[in-house]
Amino acid sequence: MDNIKKQQVRAYILLESIIAMALLAVLSSIVVTEVSVNRAQVARQNHVIEALNVGVMAFDSKQSTLHENGVSVTMIRTEKMVVLENSGQEVLRLEILQEMP
């Protein structure tokens, strides 16, 4: 009888260890996935920020296209509107809706 009780205790310890390892693996994969998603989001935001910075430089220098730091922007200006595009996508649009008296 002594051997059976020891084997049962060892089995429970092994079962608890396997459950703890599985829980740790699931939690670790969730954390790694969220960190990866967050890093991708930060990279996209940094690219947009860089495009806006290059757009400000193009606006200040009165150029319609500017390529700087690996970012190429195109600025379309009219009297009522300024449009900033990066790789064919509109990044910023400024419109004057009403004239100030």
Protein backbone atom coordinates (compact mmCIF):
# COMPACT_ATOMS: atom_id res chain seq x y z
CA MET A 1 0.00 0.00 0.00
CA ASP A 2 2.84 2.39 0.66
CA ASN A 3 4.09 2.28 -2.90
CA ILE A 4 0.65 3.06 -4.37
CA LYS A 5 0.24 6.22 -2.26
CA LYS A 6 3.68 7.47 -3.24
CA GLN A 7 2.93 6.87 -6.90
CA GLN A 8 -0.36 8.77 -6.63
CA VAL A 9 1.34 11.74 -4.97
CA ARG A 10 4.00 11.77 -7.67
CA ALA A 11 1.31 11.64 -10.36
CA TYR A 12 -0.50 14.64 -8.85
CA ILE A 13 2.75 16.58 -8.68
CA LEU A 14 3.48 15.70 -12.31
CA LEU A 15 -0.05 16.69 -13.37
CA GLU A 16 0.22 20.03 -11.56
CA SER A 17 3.61 20.65 -13.17
CA ILE A 18 2.25 19.95 -16.66
CA ILE A 19 -0.72 22.27 -16.09
CA ALA A 20 1.58 25.01 -14.78
CA MET A 21 3.87 24.64 -17.80
CA ALA A 22 0.92 24.80 -20.22
CA LEU A 23 -0.42 27.90 -18.49
CA LEU A 24 3.01 29.52 -18.62
CA ALA A 25 3.32 28.71 -22.33
CA VAL A 26 -0.11 30.19 -23.11
CA LEU A 27 0.59 33.36 -21.13
CA SER A 28 4.01 33.75 -22.73
CA SER A 29 2.63 33.40 -26.24
CA ILE A 30 -0.08 35.99 -25.51
CA VAL A 31 2.49 38.46 -24.20
CA VAL A 32 4.84 37.91 -27.15
CA THR A 33 1.97 38.34 -29.62
CA GLU A 34 0.85 41.60 -28.02
CA VAL A 35 4.40 42.95 -27.96
CA SER A 36 4.77 42.12 -31.66
CA VAL A 37 1.48 43.85 -32.53
CA ASN A 38 2.48 46.89 -30.48
CA ARG A 39 5.87 47.14 -32.19
CA ALA A 40 4.23 47.01 -35.63
CA GLN A 41 1.83 49.77 -34.61
CA VAL A 42 4.69 51.94 -33.34
CA ALA A 43 6.59 51.38 -36.60
CA ARG A 44 3.55 52.52 -38.63
CA GLN A 45 3.14 55.59 -36.42
CA ASN A 46 6.83 56.45 -36.77
CA HIS A 47 6.54 56.22 -40.56
CA VAL A 48 3.59 58.63 -40.56
CA ILE A 49 5.46 61.01 -38.23
CA GLU A 50 8.47 60.93 -40.56
CA ALA A 51 6.21 61.66 -43.54
CA LEU A 52 4.71 64.63 -41.69
CA ASN A 53 8.17 65.94 -40.81
CA VAL A 54 9.29 65.71 -44.44
CA GLY A 55 6.01 67.37 -45.44
CA VAL A 56 6.75 70.30 -43.14
CA MET A 57 10.20 70.61 -44.72
CA ALA A 58 8.63 70.56 -48.21
CA PHE A 59 6.08 73.19 -47.16
CA ASP A 60 8.76 75.44 -45.65
CA SER A 61 10.98 75.17 -48.72
CA LYS A 62 8.01 75.60 -51.10
CA GLN A 63 8.73 72.33 -52.95
CA SER A 64 6.04 70.12 -54.42
CA THR A 65 8.03 66.89 -54.00
CA LEU A 66 10.72 66.04 -51.50
CA HIS A 67 12.65 62.84 -50.78
CA GLU A 68 14.38 62.77 -47.42
CA ASN A 69 15.32 59.99 -44.94
CA GLY A 70 13.82 57.30 -47.16
CA VAL A 71 10.45 59.06 -47.28
CA SER A 72 9.12 60.64 -50.46
CA VAL A 73 6.25 63.11 -50.14
CA THR A 74 4.22 65.02 -52.69
CA MET A 75 2.52 68.26 -51.76
CA ILE A 76 -0.39 69.64 -53.75
CA ARG A 77 -1.15 73.30 -53.04
CA THR A 78 -4.07 75.45 -54.05
CA GLU A 79 -5.36 78.69 -52.58
CA LYS A 80 -7.89 76.85 -50.41
CA MET A 81 -6.18 73.52 -49.78
CA VAL A 82 -2.89 71.74 -49.04
CA VAL A 83 -2.67 67.95 -49.54
CA LEU A 84 0.31 65.87 -48.41
CA GLU A 85 0.74 62.42 -49.99
CA ASN A 86 3.23 59.68 -49.21
CA SER A 87 3.53 56.72 -51.62
CA GLY A 88 0.19 57.58 -53.18
CA GLN A 89 -1.64 57.67 -49.84
CA GLU A 90 -3.02 60.88 -48.45
CA VAL A 91 -1.35 61.69 -45.13
CA LEU A 92 -2.72 65.16 -44.46
CA ARG A 93 -5.35 67.45 -45.98
CA LEU A 94 -5.77 71.04 -44.85
CA GLU A 95 -8.68 73.06 -46.21
CA ILE A 96 -9.80 76.62 -45.57
CA LEU A 97 -13.54 76.36 -45.09
CA GLN A 98 -14.32 79.97 -44.28
CA GLU A 99 -12.48 83.20 -44.82
CA MET A 100 -11.76 85.27 -41.73
CA PRO A 101 -13.11 88.86 -41.97
